[in-house]
Amino acid sequence: MVVASRSLNIELQQLLNPDPTEQVEALRLAFCPADKVMQVANDYEKEVFNGDVGTVETIDADASGN
């Protein structure tokens, strides 16, 4: 199931955000401004919770991998 959802996410990213101005790779995935994202685990310190959705606004290449 993970492979299928990863493939679907890549296809959707190419359709919905075809020409990103920049991108960063994390967790073997590419993230670009305007990408839709969903939190998949609770992080009480950052006050984000499983199922929260959002949009990537900016990329900080210096912080990638953190």
PDB file of N, CA and C in Angstrom:
ATOM      1  N   MET A   1       0.819  -1.193   0.000  1.00  0.00           N
ATOM      2  CA  MET A   1       0.000   0.000   0.000  1.00  0.00           C
ATOM      3  C   MET A   1       0.864   1.258   0.000  1.00  0.00           C
ATOM      4  N   VAL A   2       1.992   1.225   0.697  1.00  0.00           N
ATOM      5  CA  VAL A   2       2.869   2.395   0.749  1.00  0.00           C
ATOM      6  C   VAL A   2       3.389   2.733  -0.643  1.00  0.00           C
ATOM      7  N   VAL A   3       3.767   1.723  -1.417  1.00  0.00           N
ATOM      8  CA  VAL A   3       4.281   1.956  -2.768  1.00  0.00           C
ATOM      9  C   VAL A   3       3.201   2.579  -3.641  1.00  0.00           C
ATOM     10  N   ALA A   4       1.977   2.081  -3.533  1.00  0.00           N
ATOM     11  CA  ALA A   4       0.877   2.615  -4.335  1.00  0.00           C
ATOM     12  C   ALA A   4       0.584   4.067  -3.970  1.00  0.00           C
ATOM     13  N   SER A   5       0.555   4.392  -2.692  1.00  0.00           N
ATOM     14  CA  SER A   5       0.267   5.769  -2.296  1.00  0.00           C
ATOM     15  C   SER A   5       1.418   6.698  -2.675  1.00  0.00           C
ATOM     16  N   ARG A   6       2.655   6.219  -2.584  1.00  0.00           N
ATOM     17  CA  ARG A   6       3.798   7.043  -2.995  1.00  0.00           C
ATOM     18  C   ARG A   6       3.733   7.331  -4.483  1.00  0.00           C
ATOM     19  N   SER A   7       3.396   6.323  -5.282  1.00  0.00           N
ATOM     20  CA  SER A   7       3.266   6.511  -6.729  1.00  0.00           C
ATOM     21  C   SER A   7       2.143   7.487  -7.054  1.00  0.00           C
ATOM     22  N   LEU A   8       1.020   7.348  -6.364  1.00  0.00           N
ATOM     23  CA  LEU A   8      -0.101   8.254  -6.571  1.00  0.00           C
ATOM     24  C   LEU A   8       0.287   9.683  -6.198  1.00  0.00           C
ATOM     25  N   ASN A   9       0.998   9.858  -5.102  1.00  0.00           N
ATOM     26  CA  ASN A   9       1.431  11.200  -4.691  1.00  0.00           C
ATOM     27  C   ASN A   9       2.347  11.831  -5.731  1.00  0.00           C
ATOM     28  N   ILE A  10       3.248  11.059  -6.308  1.00  0.00           N
ATOM     29  CA  ILE A  10       4.154  11.585  -7.337  1.00  0.00           C
ATOM     30  C   ILE A  10       3.361  12.027  -8.563  1.00  0.00           C
ATOM     31  N   GLU A  11       2.412  11.199  -8.996  1.00  0.00           N
ATOM     32  CA  GLU A  11       1.582  11.540 -10.151  1.00  0.00           C
ATOM     33  C   GLU A  11       0.758  12.802  -9.887  1.00  0.00           C
ATOM     34  N   LEU A  12       0.154  12.896  -8.711  1.00  0.00           N
ATOM     35  CA  LEU A  12      -0.635  14.076  -8.365  1.00  0.00           C
ATOM     36  C   LEU A  12       0.229  15.324  -8.302  1.00  0.00           C
ATOM     37  N   GLN A  13       1.425  15.197  -7.752  1.00  0.00           N
ATOM     38  CA  GLN A  13       2.329  16.346  -7.671  1.00  0.00           C
ATOM     39  C   GLN A  13       2.658  16.858  -9.073  1.00  0.00           C
ATOM     40  N   GLN A  14       2.910  15.958  -9.995  1.00  0.00           N
ATOM     41  CA  GLN A  14       3.230  16.364 -11.370  1.00  0.00           C
ATOM     42  C   GLN A  14       2.046  17.026 -12.064  1.00  0.00           C
ATOM     43  N   LEU A  15       0.825  16.571 -11.758  1.00  0.00           N
ATOM     44  CA  LEU A  15      -0.369  17.168 -12.361  1.00  0.00           C
ATOM     45  C   LEU A  15      -0.751  18.495 -11.723  1.00  0.00           C
ATOM     46  N   LEU A  16      -0.679  18.578 -10.404  1.00  0.00           N
ATOM     47  CA  LEU A  16      -1.162  19.753  -9.686  1.00  0.00           C
ATOM     48  C   LEU A  16      -0.120  20.844  -9.504  1.00  0.00           C
ATOM     49  N   ASN A  17       1.145  20.479  -9.578  1.00  0.00           N
ATOM     50  CA  ASN A  17       2.232  21.435  -9.361  1.00  0.00           C
ATOM     51  C   ASN A  17       3.358  21.100 -10.344  1.00  0.00           C
ATOM     52  N   PRO A  18       3.099  21.269 -11.653  1.00  0.00           N
ATOM     53  CA  PRO A  18       4.016  20.752 -12.668  1.00  0.00           C
ATOM     54  C   PRO A  18       5.354  21.483 -12.800  1.00  0.00           C
ATOM     55  N   ASP A  19       5.413  22.764 -12.473  1.00  0.00           N
ATOM     56  CA  ASP A  19       6.638  23.536 -12.666  1.00  0.00           C
ATOM     57  C   ASP A  19       7.037  24.266 -11.389  1.00  0.00           C
ATOM     58  N   PRO A  20       7.463  23.532 -10.362  1.00  0.00           N
ATOM     59  CA  PRO A  20       7.815  24.207  -9.103  1.00  0.00           C
ATOM     60  C   PRO A  20       9.047  25.085  -9.274  1.00  0.00           C
ATOM     61  N   THR A  21       9.060  26.191  -8.548  1.00  0.00           N
ATOM     62  CA  THR A  21      10.199  27.107  -8.613  1.00  0.00           C
ATOM     63  C   THR A  21      11.412  26.549  -7.886  1.00  0.00           C
ATOM     64  N   GLU A  22      11.157  25.725  -6.878  1.00  0.00           N
ATOM     65  CA  GLU A  22      12.234  25.095  -6.116  1.00  0.00           C
ATOM     66  C   GLU A  22      11.679  23.858  -5.439  1.00  0.00           C
ATOM     67  N   GLN A  23      12.574  23.017  -4.956  1.00  0.00           N
ATOM     68  CA  GLN A  23      12.127  21.838  -4.220  1.00  0.00           C
ATOM     69  C   GLN A  23      13.217  21.377  -3.277  1.00  0.00           C
ATOM     70  N   VAL A  24      12.804  20.584  -2.306  1.00  0.00           N
ATOM     71  CA  VAL A  24      13.729  20.004  -1.355  1.00  0.00           C
ATOM     72  C   VAL A  24      13.345  18.537  -1.197  1.00  0.00           C
ATOM     73  N   GLU A  25      14.334  17.688  -0.990  1.00  0.00           N
ATOM     74  CA  GLU A  25      14.060  16.270  -0.791  1.00  0.00           C
ATOM     75  C   GLU A  25      14.206  15.926   0.680  1.00  0.00           C
ATOM     76  N   ALA A  26      13.219  15.187   1.171  1.00  0.00           N
ATOM     77  CA  ALA A  26      13.229  14.710   2.549  1.00  0.00           C
ATOM     78  C   ALA A  26      12.486  13.388   2.584  1.00  0.00           C
ATOM     79  N   LEU A  27      13.014  12.444   3.300  1.00  0.00           N
ATOM     80  CA  LEU A  27      12.379  11.135   3.416  1.00  0.00           C
ATOM     81  C   LEU A  27      12.174  10.482   2.046  1.00  0.00           C
ATOM     82  N   ARG A  28      13.114  10.692   1.147  1.00  0.00           N
ATOM     83  CA  ARG A  28      13.064  10.170  -0.222  1.00  0.00           C
ATOM     84  C   ARG A  28      11.880  10.697  -1.022  1.00  0.00           C
ATOM     85  N   LEU A  29      11.371  11.871  -0.636  1.00  0.00           N
ATOM     86  CA  LEU A  29      10.285  12.524  -1.348  1.00  0.00           C
ATOM     87  C   LEU A  29      10.710  13.941  -1.688  1.00  0.00           C
ATOM     88  N   ALA A  30      10.171  14.481  -2.763  1.00  0.00           N
ATOM     89  CA  ALA A  30      10.436  15.868  -3.138  1.00  0.00           C
ATOM     90  C   ALA A  30       9.253  16.723  -2.711  1.00  0.00           C
ATOM     91  N   PHE A  31       9.533  17.830  -2.042  1.00  0.00           N
ATOM     92  CA  PHE A  31       8.507  18.767  -1.618  1.00  0.00           C
ATOM     93  C   PHE A  31       8.753  20.098  -2.305  1.00  0.00           C
ATOM     94  N   CYS A  32       7.679  20.710  -2.823  1.00  0.00           N
ATOM     95  CA  CYS A  32       7.767  21.968  -3.558  1.00  0.00           C
ATOM     96  C   CYS A  32       6.739  22.953  -3.010  1.00  0.00           C
ATOM     97  N   PRO A  33       6.987  24.259  -3.164  1.00  0.00           N
ATOM     98  CA  PRO A  33       5.962  25.219  -2.779  1.00  0.00           C
ATOM     99  C   PRO A  33       4.652  24.913  -3.504  1.00  0.00           C
ATOM    100  N   ALA A  34       3.552  25.065  -2.818  1.00  0.00           N
ATOM    101  CA  ALA A  34       2.184  24.825  -3.303  1.00  0.00           C
ATOM    102  C   ALA A  34       1.766  23.364  -3.196  1.00  0.00           C
ATOM    103  N   ASP A  35       2.662  22.455  -2.778  1.00  0.00           N
ATOM    104  CA  ASP A  35       2.276  21.059  -2.571  1.00  0.00           C
ATOM    105  C   ASP A  35       1.343  20.955  -1.376  1.00  0.00           C
ATOM    106  N   LYS A  36       0.367  20.076  -1.473  1.00  0.00           N
ATOM    107  CA  LYS A  36      -0.509  19.771  -0.348  1.00  0.00           C
ATOM    108  C   LYS A  36       0.172  18.693   0.492  1.00  0.00           C
ATOM    109  N   VAL A  37       0.084  18.808   1.802  1.00  0.00           N
ATOM    110  CA  VAL A  37       0.713  17.847   2.709  1.00  0.00           C
ATOM    111  C   VAL A  37      -0.247  17.486   3.843  1.00  0.00           C
ATOM    112  N   MET A  38      -0.021  16.293   4.430  1.00  0.00           N
ATOM    113  CA  MET A  38      -0.815  15.859   5.570  1.00  0.00           C
ATOM    114  C   MET A  38       0.128  15.331   6.641  1.00  0.00           C
ATOM    115  N   GLN A  39      -0.096  15.759   7.865  1.00  0.00           N
ATOM    116  CA  GLN A  39       0.667  15.261   9.009  1.00  0.00           C
ATOM    117  C   GLN A  39       0.209  13.840   9.310  1.00  0.00           C
ATOM    118  N   VAL A  40       1.152  12.920   9.504  1.00  0.00           N
ATOM    119  CA  VAL A  40       0.782  11.522   9.723  1.00  0.00           C
ATOM    120  C   VAL A  40       1.121  11.018  11.121  1.00  0.00           C
ATOM    121  N   ALA A  41       1.600  11.908  11.981  1.00  0.00           N
ATOM    122  CA  ALA A  41       1.870  11.534  13.374  1.00  0.00           C
ATOM    123  C   ALA A  41       1.721  12.779  14.240  1.00  0.00           C
ATOM    124  N   ASN A  42       1.267  12.597  15.446  1.00  0.00           N
ATOM    125  CA  ASN A  42       1.127  13.722  16.366  1.00  0.00           C
ATOM    126  C   ASN A  42       2.499  14.276  16.753  1.00  0.00           C
ATOM    127  N   ASP A  43       2.608  15.603  16.792  1.00  0.00           N
ATOM    128  CA  ASP A  43       3.800  16.276  17.305  1.00  0.00           C
ATOM    129  C   ASP A  43       3.299  17.357  18.255  1.00  0.00           C
ATOM    130  N   TYR A  44       3.219  17.000  19.521  1.00  0.00           N
ATOM    131  CA  TYR A  44       2.624  17.893  20.502  1.00  0.00           C
ATOM    132  C   TYR A  44       3.440  19.169  20.693  1.00  0.00           C
ATOM    133  N   GLU A  45       4.761  19.103  20.557  1.00  0.00           N
ATOM    134  CA  GLU A  45       5.595  20.296  20.714  1.00  0.00           C
ATOM    135  C   GLU A  45       5.303  21.329  19.638  1.00  0.00           C
ATOM    136  N   LYS A  46       5.083  20.868  18.413  1.00  0.00           N
ATOM    137  CA  LYS A  46       4.795  21.786  17.297  1.00  0.00           C
ATOM    138  C   LYS A  46       3.304  22.025  17.124  1.00  0.00           C
ATOM    139  N   GLU A  47       2.498  21.356  17.942  1.00  0.00           N
ATOM    140  CA  GLU A  47       1.050  21.464  17.898  1.00  0.00           C
ATOM    141  C   GLU A  47       0.474  21.128  16.526  1.00  0.00           C
ATOM    142  N   VAL A  48       0.992  20.038  15.925  1.00  0.00           N
ATOM    143  CA  VAL A  48       0.413  19.471  14.708  1.00  0.00           C
ATOM    144  C   VAL A  48       0.041  18.031  15.004  1.00  0.00           C
ATOM    145  N   PHE A  49      -1.050  17.606  14.427  1.00  0.00           N
ATOM    146  CA  PHE A  49      -1.616  16.315  14.805  1.00  0.00           C
ATOM    147  C   PHE A  49      -1.965  15.478  13.580  1.00  0.00           C
ATOM    148  N   ASN A  50      -1.978  14.181  13.766  1.00  0.00           N
ATOM    149  CA  ASN A  50      -2.288  13.245  12.704  1.00  0.00           C
ATOM    150  C   ASN A  50      -3.571  13.668  11.986  1.00  0.00           C
ATOM    151  N   GLY A  51      -3.483  13.830  10.664  1.00  0.00           N
ATOM    152  CA  GLY A  51      -4.640  14.229   9.865  1.00  0.00           C
ATOM    153  C   GLY A  51      -4.693  15.701   9.535  1.00  0.00           C
ATOM    154  N   ASP A  52      -3.878  16.540  10.210  1.00  0.00           N
ATOM    155  CA  ASP A  52      -3.843  17.955   9.861  1.00  0.00           C
ATOM    156  C   ASP A  52      -3.324  18.095   8.429  1.00  0.00           C
ATOM    157  N   VAL A  53      -3.921  19.003   7.659  1.00  0.00           N
ATOM    158  CA  VAL A  53      -3.497  19.226   6.280  1.00  0.00           C
ATOM    159  C   VAL A  53      -2.994  20.653   6.128  1.00  0.00           C
ATOM    160  N   GLY A  54      -2.156  20.833   5.122  1.00  0.00           N
ATOM    161  CA  GLY A  54      -1.611  22.159   4.870  1.00  0.00           C
ATOM    162  C   GLY A  54      -1.020  22.249   3.487  1.00  0.00           C
ATOM    163  N   THR A  55      -0.405  23.367   3.209  1.00  0.00           N
ATOM    164  CA  THR A  55       0.232  23.633   1.924  1.00  0.00           C
ATOM    165  C   THR A  55       1.649  24.124   2.185  1.00  0.00           C
ATOM    166  N   VAL A  56       2.608  23.603   1.427  1.00  0.00           N
ATOM    167  CA  VAL A  56       3.990  24.070   1.533  1.00  0.00           C
ATOM    168  C   VAL A  56       4.021  25.495   0.998  1.00  0.00           C
ATOM    169  N   GLU A  57       4.469  26.435   1.825  1.00  0.00           N
ATOM    170  CA  GLU A  57       4.533  27.833   1.403  1.00  0.00           C
ATOM    171  C   GLU A  57       5.919  28.214   0.902  1.00  0.00           C
ATOM    172  N   THR A  58       6.957  27.815   1.631  1.00  0.00           N
ATOM    173  CA  THR A  58       8.325  28.151   1.243  1.00  0.00           C
ATOM    174  C   THR A  58       9.228  26.944   1.483  1.00  0.00           C
ATOM    175  N   ILE A  59      10.383  26.993   0.860  1.00  0.00           N
ATOM    176  CA  ILE A  59      11.391  25.946   1.034  1.00  0.00           C
ATOM    177  C   ILE A  59      12.611  26.577   1.686  1.00  0.00           C
ATOM    178  N   ASP A  60      13.099  25.953   2.749  1.00  0.00           N
ATOM    179  CA  ASP A  60      14.326  26.381   3.404  1.00  0.00           C
ATOM    180  C   ASP A  60      15.356  25.293   3.174  1.00  0.00           C
ATOM    181  N   ALA A  61      16.151  25.431   2.126  1.00  0.00           N
ATOM    182  CA  ALA A  61      17.114  24.389   1.755  1.00  0.00           C
ATOM    183  C   ALA A  61      18.136  24.138   2.858  1.00  0.00           C
ATOM    184  N   ASP A  62      18.434  25.158   3.655  1.00  0.00           N
ATOM    185  CA  ASP A  62      19.397  24.994   4.750  1.00  0.00           C
ATOM    186  C   ASP A  62      18.874  24.065   5.835  1.00  0.00           C
ATOM    187  N   ALA A  63      17.553  23.965   5.968  1.00  0.00           N
ATOM    188  CA  ALA A  63      16.957  23.148   7.021  1.00  0.00           C
ATOM    189  C   ALA A  63      16.540  21.768   6.515  1.00  0.00           C
ATOM    190  N   SER A  64      16.791  21.467   5.234  1.00  0.00           N
ATOM    191  CA  SER A  64      16.348  20.175   4.701  1.00  0.00           C
ATOM    192  C   SER A  64      17.045  19.031   5.442  1.00  0.00           C
ATOM    193  N   GLY A  65      16.295  17.960   5.603  1.00  0.00           N
ATOM    194  CA  GLY A  65      16.824  16.798   6.312  1.00  0.00           C
ATOM    195  C   GLY A  65      16.601  16.853   7.793  1.00  0.00           C
ATOM    196  N   ASN A  66      16.076  17.951   8.312  1.00  0.00           N
ATOM    197  CA  ASN A  66      15.798  18.073   9.744  1.00  0.00           C
ATOM    198  C   ASN A  66      14.375  17.679  10.041  1.00  0.00           C
TER     199      ASN A  66
END
